[in-house]
Amino acid sequence: MPQDNPRNDSQRTEHSRSDSARSERSRGDKASLIAMNAPFGEMAARSVTAGLRLQKEMFGVLSEISQDWLSRATSDAELALTLPNKLTAARSVPDAFSAYQQWLNEWIGRFDEDSRRLASDSRKLIDAGVRCFADSAPAATS
């Protein structure tokens, strides 16, 4: 009978000890893995946070820029619509040339202003990107 065999009992006890030792080692291995991976998890969390902050700030900057350009486009369309009215109101060819010259001077001035605005908007985007990436960069250790 297997119950009467003392060898079986010792094997069961030894087997249960080895199982508990294995599970102890397994828990220790898991704890060490968790401890080793903790910095990577923190780094990933910081990266995700920085990415979300970058998206939010860039969205704000792009939203502001697009609203400015939309209002500018509306203003340019209004300027373009004034030319035909001025040309049809002119009584002579010199009056028509004068109206066209005034309109063209205003259009060129707006073009110059648009060029400066484009440079300014580009700078806003670059500054926002640099600011976000500088904030998310890992600290230097010595």
N, C-alpha and C. Protein backbone atom coordinates (compact mmCIF):
# COMPACT_ATOMS: atom_id res chain seq x y z
N MET A 1 0.82 -1.19 0.00
CA MET A 1 0.00 0.00 0.00
C MET A 1 0.87 1.25 0.00
N PRO A 2 0.47 2.20 -0.79
CA PRO A 2 1.28 3.40 -0.90
C PRO A 2 1.28 4.22 0.37
N GLN A 3 0.27 4.10 1.19
CA GLN A 3 0.21 4.90 2.41
C GLN A 3 1.23 4.44 3.43
N ASP A 4 1.56 3.20 3.42
CA ASP A 4 2.47 2.65 4.41
C ASP A 4 3.92 2.87 4.02
N ASN A 5 4.18 3.26 2.84
CA ASN A 5 5.56 3.41 2.37
C ASN A 5 6.12 4.74 2.86
N PRO A 6 7.11 4.70 3.78
CA PRO A 6 7.69 5.94 4.29
C PRO A 6 8.46 6.70 3.23
N ARG A 7 8.91 6.00 2.22
CA ARG A 7 9.66 6.63 1.15
C ARG A 7 8.78 7.64 0.39
N ASN A 8 7.52 7.28 0.19
CA ASN A 8 6.59 8.16 -0.50
C ASN A 8 6.37 9.45 0.28
N ASP A 9 6.25 9.35 1.59
CA ASP A 9 6.04 10.54 2.41
C ASP A 9 7.24 11.46 2.34
N SER A 10 8.42 10.91 2.37
CA SER A 10 9.61 11.75 2.30
C SER A 10 9.74 12.38 0.92
N GLN A 11 9.34 11.63 -0.10
CA GLN A 11 9.39 12.19 -1.45
C GLN A 11 8.38 13.34 -1.58
N ARG A 12 7.21 13.14 -0.99
CA ARG A 12 6.20 14.21 -1.05
C ARG A 12 6.69 15.44 -0.32
N THR A 13 7.28 15.26 0.84
CA THR A 13 7.78 16.39 1.61
C THR A 13 8.89 17.09 0.86
N GLU A 14 9.80 16.32 0.29
CA GLU A 14 10.91 16.89 -0.48
C GLU A 14 10.38 17.61 -1.72
N HIS A 15 9.40 17.01 -2.35
CA HIS A 15 8.80 17.61 -3.54
C HIS A 15 8.10 18.93 -3.19
N SER A 16 7.38 18.94 -2.07
CA SER A 16 6.70 20.16 -1.67
C SER A 16 7.70 21.23 -1.26
N ARG A 17 8.83 20.85 -0.67
CA ARG A 17 9.87 21.83 -0.34
C ARG A 17 10.48 22.42 -1.61
N SER A 18 10.74 21.57 -2.57
CA SER A 18 11.33 22.08 -3.82
C SER A 18 10.34 22.98 -4.56
N ASP A 19 9.04 22.66 -4.50
CA ASP A 19 8.04 23.53 -5.11
C ASP A 19 8.00 24.89 -4.42
N SER A 20 8.07 24.88 -3.09
CA SER A 20 8.03 26.15 -2.37
C SER A 20 9.31 26.94 -2.63
N ALA A 21 10.44 26.26 -2.74
CA ALA A 21 11.70 26.95 -3.05
C ALA A 21 11.63 27.55 -4.45
N ARG A 22 11.07 26.79 -5.39
CA ARG A 22 10.94 27.30 -6.75
C ARG A 22 10.02 28.52 -6.79
N SER A 23 8.92 28.43 -6.07
CA SER A 23 8.00 29.56 -6.07
C SER A 23 8.63 30.77 -5.37
N GLU A 24 9.45 30.53 -4.34
CA GLU A 24 10.19 31.61 -3.67
C GLU A 24 11.14 32.28 -4.65
N ARG A 25 11.89 31.46 -5.40
CA ARG A 25 12.82 32.00 -6.39
C ARG A 25 12.07 32.75 -7.48
N SER A 26 10.96 32.19 -7.87
CA SER A 26 10.15 32.83 -8.91
C SER A 26 9.67 34.20 -8.44
N ARG A 27 9.21 34.26 -7.18
CA ARG A 27 8.78 35.56 -6.63
C ARG A 27 9.95 36.53 -6.55
N GLY A 28 11.11 36.01 -6.16
CA GLY A 28 12.30 36.86 -6.09
C GLY A 28 12.70 37.36 -7.47
N ASP A 29 12.62 36.46 -8.46
CA ASP A 29 12.94 36.86 -9.83
C ASP A 29 11.97 37.91 -10.34
N LYS A 30 10.68 37.72 -10.03
CA LYS A 30 9.69 38.70 -10.45
C LYS A 30 9.94 40.05 -9.78
N ALA A 31 10.28 40.02 -8.50
CA ALA A 31 10.54 41.27 -7.79
C ALA A 31 11.75 41.97 -8.36
N SER A 32 12.78 41.20 -8.69
CA SER A 32 13.98 41.84 -9.26
C SER A 32 13.69 42.37 -10.66
N LEU A 33 12.87 41.64 -11.42
CA LEU A 33 12.49 42.14 -12.75
C LEU A 33 11.69 43.43 -12.64
N ILE A 34 10.78 43.46 -11.69
CA ILE A 34 9.98 44.68 -11.48
C ILE A 34 10.88 45.82 -11.07
N ALA A 35 11.83 45.54 -10.17
CA ALA A 35 12.75 46.59 -9.73
C ALA A 35 13.62 47.07 -10.88
N MET A 36 14.04 46.16 -11.75
CA MET A 36 14.87 46.55 -12.89
C MET A 36 14.08 47.34 -13.92
N ASN A 37 12.82 46.99 -14.10
CA ASN A 37 12.00 47.64 -15.12
C ASN A 37 11.34 48.92 -14.64
N ALA A 38 11.38 49.20 -13.37
CA ALA A 38 10.74 50.41 -12.84
C ALA A 38 11.26 51.68 -13.51
N PRO A 39 12.59 51.83 -13.67
CA PRO A 39 13.05 53.06 -14.34
C PRO A 39 12.54 53.17 -15.77
N PHE A 40 12.42 52.04 -16.46
CA PHE A 40 11.89 52.09 -17.83
C PHE A 40 10.42 52.49 -17.84
N GLY A 41 9.68 52.03 -16.87
CA GLY A 41 8.27 52.41 -16.76
C GLY A 41 8.12 53.89 -16.47
N GLU A 42 8.98 54.39 -15.58
CA GLU A 42 8.93 55.83 -15.26
C GLU A 42 9.31 56.65 -16.48
N MET A 43 10.33 56.17 -17.22
CA MET A 43 10.77 56.89 -18.41
C MET A 43 9.65 56.89 -19.45
N ALA A 44 8.96 55.78 -19.61
CA ALA A 44 7.86 55.71 -20.56
C ALA A 44 6.72 56.63 -20.16
N ALA A 45 6.43 56.67 -18.86
CA ALA A 45 5.36 57.56 -18.38
C ALA A 45 5.73 59.02 -18.63
N ARG A 46 6.99 59.38 -18.38
CA ARG A 46 7.42 60.75 -18.65
C ARG A 46 7.35 61.07 -20.14
N SER A 47 7.71 60.09 -20.97
CA SER A 47 7.66 60.31 -22.42
C SER A 47 6.23 60.52 -22.90
N VAL A 48 5.32 59.72 -22.39
CA VAL A 48 3.91 59.87 -22.79
C VAL A 48 3.39 61.22 -22.33
N THR A 49 3.72 61.59 -21.09
CA THR A 49 3.27 62.88 -20.56
C THR A 49 3.84 64.02 -21.40
N ALA A 50 5.13 63.92 -21.73
CA ALA A 50 5.76 64.96 -22.53
C ALA A 50 5.13 65.02 -23.93
N GLY A 51 4.84 63.86 -24.50
CA GLY A 51 4.21 63.83 -25.82
C GLY A 51 2.83 64.47 -25.81
N LEU A 52 2.07 64.18 -24.78
CA LEU A 52 0.74 64.79 -24.67
C LEU A 52 0.83 66.30 -24.47
N ARG A 53 1.80 66.73 -23.65
CA ARG A 53 1.98 68.16 -23.44
C ARG A 53 2.39 68.83 -24.75
N LEU A 54 3.28 68.18 -25.51
CA LEU A 54 3.71 68.72 -26.79
C LEU A 54 2.52 68.85 -27.73
N GLN A 55 1.70 67.81 -27.81
CA GLN A 55 0.53 67.87 -28.68
C GLN A 55 -0.42 68.99 -28.27
N LYS A 56 -0.64 69.12 -26.98
CA LYS A 56 -1.56 70.15 -26.49
C LYS A 56 -1.02 71.55 -26.80
N GLU A 57 0.27 71.75 -26.54
CA GLU A 57 0.84 73.08 -26.80
C GLU A 57 0.89 73.37 -28.29
N MET A 58 1.27 72.38 -29.10
CA MET A 58 1.32 72.59 -30.54
C MET A 58 -0.07 72.85 -31.10
N PHE A 59 -1.07 72.14 -30.57
CA PHE A 59 -2.44 72.38 -31.03
C PHE A 59 -2.85 73.82 -30.72
N GLY A 60 -2.48 74.31 -29.53
CA GLY A 60 -2.81 75.69 -29.17
C GLY A 60 -2.15 76.69 -30.10
N VAL A 61 -0.87 76.47 -30.37
CA VAL A 61 -0.13 77.39 -31.24
C VAL A 61 -0.71 77.33 -32.66
N LEU A 62 -0.94 76.12 -33.17
CA LEU A 62 -1.49 76.00 -34.52
C LEU A 62 -2.90 76.57 -34.63
N SER A 63 -3.68 76.42 -33.58
CA SER A 63 -5.03 76.98 -33.57
C SER A 63 -4.99 78.50 -33.65
N GLU A 64 -4.11 79.09 -32.85
CA GLU A 64 -3.95 80.54 -32.87
C GLU A 64 -3.48 81.02 -34.24
N ILE A 65 -2.49 80.34 -34.80
CA ILE A 65 -1.95 80.73 -36.11
C ILE A 65 -3.03 80.59 -37.19
N SER A 66 -3.78 79.49 -37.17
CA SER A 66 -4.79 79.29 -38.21
C SER A 66 -5.90 80.33 -38.13
N GLN A 67 -6.28 80.73 -36.92
CA GLN A 67 -7.31 81.77 -36.79
C GLN A 67 -6.80 83.09 -37.35
N ASP A 68 -5.53 83.40 -37.08
CA ASP A 68 -4.95 84.64 -37.63
C ASP A 68 -4.93 84.62 -39.15
N TRP A 69 -4.53 83.48 -39.72
CA TRP A 69 -4.45 83.38 -41.17
C TRP A 69 -5.84 83.37 -41.81
N LEU A 70 -6.81 82.80 -41.13
CA LEU A 70 -8.17 82.81 -41.67
C LEU A 70 -8.73 84.23 -41.72
N SER A 71 -8.50 84.99 -40.66
CA SER A 71 -8.98 86.37 -40.68
C SER A 71 -8.22 87.18 -41.73
N ARG A 72 -6.95 86.85 -41.91
CA ARG A 72 -6.16 87.54 -42.93
C ARG A 72 -6.67 87.20 -44.33
N ALA A 73 -7.02 85.95 -44.56
CA ALA A 73 -7.56 85.55 -45.87
C ALA A 73 -8.88 86.25 -46.15
N THR A 74 -9.69 86.40 -45.13
CA THR A 74 -10.97 87.11 -45.29
C THR A 74 -10.71 88.56 -45.67
N SER A 75 -9.75 89.17 -45.00
CA SER A 75 -9.40 90.56 -45.28
C SER A 75 -8.85 90.71 -46.70
N ASP A 76 -8.03 89.73 -47.13
CA ASP A 76 -7.48 89.78 -48.49
C ASP A 76 -8.58 89.62 -49.54
N ALA A 77 -9.56 88.78 -49.24
CA ALA A 77 -10.68 88.61 -50.17
C ALA A 77 -11.48 89.91 -50.28
N GLU A 78 -11.67 90.59 -49.17
CA GLU A 78 -12.37 91.88 -49.20
C GLU A 78 -11.59 92.90 -50.01
N LEU A 79 -10.25 92.89 -49.87
CA LEU A 79 -9.42 93.80 -50.65
C LEU A 79 -9.55 93.49 -52.14
N ALA A 80 -9.54 92.20 -52.48
CA ALA A 80 -9.65 91.82 -53.89
C ALA A 80 -10.99 92.25 -54.48
N LEU A 81 -12.03 92.24 -53.67
CA LEU A 81 -13.35 92.64 -54.18
C LEU A 81 -13.48 94.15 -54.37
N THR A 82 -12.61 94.92 -53.72
CA THR A 82 -12.70 96.38 -53.88
C THR A 82 -12.15 96.85 -55.23
N LEU A 83 -11.23 96.10 -55.82
CA LEU A 83 -10.61 96.53 -57.09
C LEU A 83 -11.64 96.67 -58.22
N PRO A 84 -12.48 95.67 -58.46
CA PRO A 84 -13.44 95.87 -59.56
C PRO A 84 -14.36 97.07 -59.34
N ASN A 85 -14.75 97.30 -58.08
CA ASN A 85 -15.61 98.47 -57.81
C ASN A 85 -14.89 99.76 -58.11
N LYS A 86 -13.61 99.85 -57.74
CA LYS A 86 -12.85 101.07 -58.01
C LYS A 86 -12.62 101.26 -59.51
N LEU A 87 -12.37 100.17 -60.22
CA LEU A 87 -12.12 100.28 -61.66
C LEU A 87 -13.38 100.67 -62.42
N THR A 88 -14.50 100.15 -61.99
CA THR A 88 -15.75 100.54 -62.68
C THR A 88 -16.18 101.95 -62.33
N ALA A 89 -15.74 102.47 -61.18
CA ALA A 89 -16.09 103.83 -60.79
C ALA A 89 -15.18 104.86 -61.44
N ALA A 90 -14.06 104.41 -62.00
CA ALA A 90 -13.11 105.35 -62.62
C ALA A 90 -13.73 105.95 -63.88
N ARG A 91 -13.49 107.28 -64.08
CA ARG A 91 -14.09 108.00 -65.21
C ARG A 91 -13.14 108.07 -66.40
N SER A 92 -11.85 107.81 -66.15
CA SER A 92 -10.89 107.89 -67.25
C SER A 92 -9.84 106.80 -67.05
N VAL A 93 -9.01 106.62 -68.07
CA VAL A 93 -7.94 105.62 -68.00
C VAL A 93 -6.95 106.00 -66.90
N PRO A 94 -6.52 107.27 -66.77
CA PRO A 94 -5.60 107.59 -65.68
C PRO A 94 -6.21 107.33 -64.30
N ASP A 95 -7.52 107.56 -64.15
CA ASP A 95 -8.17 107.25 -62.87
C ASP A 95 -8.14 105.74 -62.59
N ALA A 96 -8.34 104.94 -63.63
CA ALA A 96 -8.31 103.48 -63.48
C ALA A 96 -6.90 103.02 -63.09
N PHE A 97 -5.89 103.60 -63.76
CA PHE A 97 -4.50 103.24 -63.41
C PHE A 97 -4.18 103.67 -61.99
N SER A 98 -4.65 104.80 -61.59
CA SER A 98 -4.42 105.29 -60.23
C SER A 98 -5.08 104.37 -59.20
N ALA A 99 -6.32 103.95 -59.47
CA ALA A 99 -7.04 103.04 -58.57
C ALA A 99 -6.30 101.70 -58.49
N TYR A 100 -5.84 101.22 -59.66
CA TYR A 100 -5.11 99.96 -59.68
C TYR A 100 -3.80 100.10 -58.93
N GLN A 101 -3.10 101.21 -59.10
CA GLN A 101 -1.83 101.42 -58.41
C GLN A 101 -2.02 101.48 -56.90
N GLN A 102 -3.06 102.14 -56.44
CA GLN A 102 -3.35 102.17 -54.99
C GLN A 102 -3.64 100.76 -54.46
N TRP A 103 -4.44 100.03 -55.22
CA TRP A 103 -4.76 98.67 -54.79
C TRP A 103 -3.53 97.79 -54.75
N LEU A 104 -2.69 97.91 -55.79
CA LEU A 104 -1.47 97.10 -55.87
C LEU A 104 -0.51 97.45 -54.74
N ASN A 105 -0.37 98.73 -54.41
CA ASN A 105 0.49 99.13 -53.29
C ASN A 105 0.00 98.52 -51.97
N GLU A 106 -1.31 98.52 -51.77
CA GLU A 106 -1.86 97.92 -50.56
C GLU A 106 -1.63 96.41 -50.56
N TRP A 107 -1.82 95.77 -51.71
CA TRP A 107 -1.61 94.33 -51.80
C TRP A 107 -0.15 93.96 -51.55
N ILE A 108 0.78 94.72 -52.09
CA ILE A 108 2.21 94.46 -51.87
C ILE A 108 2.56 94.67 -50.39
N GLY A 109 1.98 95.70 -49.78
CA GLY A 109 2.20 95.91 -48.34
C GLY A 109 1.69 94.73 -47.52
N ARG A 110 0.56 94.20 -47.90
CA ARG A 110 0.02 93.03 -47.20
C ARG A 110 0.91 91.81 -47.43
N PHE A 111 1.43 91.67 -48.63
CA PHE A 111 2.33 90.56 -48.93
C PHE A 111 3.57 90.63 -48.05
N ASP A 112 4.11 91.82 -47.91
CA ASP A 112 5.28 92.03 -47.03
C ASP A 112 4.93 91.67 -45.58
N GLU A 113 3.77 92.11 -45.14
CA GLU A 113 3.32 91.79 -43.78
C GLU A 113 3.11 90.28 -43.60
N ASP A 114 2.56 89.63 -44.64
CA ASP A 114 2.36 88.18 -44.58
C ASP A 114 3.69 87.44 -44.47
N SER A 115 4.70 87.94 -45.15
CA SER A 115 6.03 87.31 -45.07
C SER A 115 6.58 87.39 -43.65
N ARG A 116 6.43 88.56 -43.05
CA ARG A 116 6.89 88.71 -41.65
C ARG A 116 6.06 87.83 -40.71
N ARG A 117 4.78 87.76 -40.96
CA ARG A 117 3.90 86.93 -40.13
C ARG A 117 4.27 85.45 -40.25
N LEU A 118 4.59 85.01 -41.46
CA LEU A 118 5.00 83.62 -41.67
C LEU A 118 6.27 83.31 -40.87
N ALA A 119 7.23 84.22 -40.91
CA ALA A 119 8.46 84.02 -40.14
C ALA A 119 8.15 84.00 -38.64
N SER A 120 7.29 84.88 -38.19
CA SER A 120 6.92 84.93 -36.77
C SER A 120 6.20 83.65 -36.34
N ASP A 121 5.28 83.18 -37.18
CA ASP A 121 4.54 81.97 -36.85
C ASP A 121 5.46 80.74 -36.84
N SER A 122 6.41 80.72 -37.76
CA SER A 122 7.38 79.62 -37.77
C SER A 122 8.20 79.63 -36.49
N ARG A 123 8.57 80.79 -36.06
CA ARG A 123 9.33 80.91 -34.81
C ARG A 123 8.50 80.44 -33.62
N LYS A 124 7.21 80.78 -33.60
CA LYS A 124 6.33 80.32 -32.51
C LYS A 124 6.31 78.79 -32.45
N LEU A 125 6.19 78.16 -33.62
CA LEU A 125 6.15 76.70 -33.66
C LEU A 125 7.46 76.09 -33.19
N ILE A 126 8.56 76.64 -33.65
CA ILE A 126 9.88 76.12 -33.25
C ILE A 126 10.09 76.32 -31.76
N ASP A 127 9.74 77.50 -31.25
CA ASP A 127 9.90 77.76 -29.81
C ASP A 127 9.07 76.81 -28.97
N ALA A 128 7.85 76.55 -29.40
CA ALA A 128 6.99 75.63 -28.65
C ALA A 128 7.58 74.22 -28.66
N GLY A 129 8.07 73.78 -29.81
CA GLY A 129 8.68 72.46 -29.91
C GLY A 129 9.92 72.33 -29.07
N VAL A 130 10.79 73.34 -29.12
CA VAL A 130 12.02 73.31 -28.33
C VAL A 130 11.68 73.31 -26.84
N ARG A 131 10.73 74.13 -26.46
CA ARG A 131 10.34 74.21 -25.05
C ARG A 131 9.82 72.86 -24.56
N CYS A 132 8.98 72.22 -25.34
CA CYS A 132 8.42 70.93 -24.94
C CYS A 132 9.49 69.84 -24.89
N PHE A 133 10.36 69.81 -25.88
CA PHE A 133 11.40 68.77 -25.90
C PHE A 133 12.44 69.02 -24.82
N ALA A 134 12.72 70.28 -24.51
CA ALA A 134 13.70 70.59 -23.46
C ALA A 134 13.14 70.17 -22.11
N ASP A 135 11.86 70.35 -21.89
CA ASP A 135 11.23 69.95 -20.63
C ASP A 135 11.20 68.44 -20.46
N SER A 136 11.11 67.71 -21.58
CA SER A 136 10.97 66.26 -21.50
C SER A 136 12.30 65.53 -21.57
N ALA A 137 13.38 66.25 -21.84
CA ALA A 137 14.68 65.61 -21.95
C ALA A 137 15.10 65.06 -20.60
N PRO A 138 15.72 63.89 -20.57
CA PRO A 138 16.16 63.33 -19.30
C PRO A 138 17.26 64.19 -18.70
N ALA A 139 17.26 64.26 -17.39
CA ALA A 139 18.26 65.06 -16.69
C ALA A 139 19.62 64.42 -16.83
N ALA A 140 20.64 65.23 -17.00
CA ALA A 140 22.00 64.73 -17.12
C ALA A 140 22.50 64.30 -15.76
N THR A 141 23.13 63.16 -15.74
CA THR A 141 23.69 62.68 -14.48
C THR A 141 25.20 62.61 -14.62
N SER A 142 25.88 62.84 -13.52
CA SER A 142 27.34 62.78 -13.59
C SER A 142 27.87 61.64 -12.77
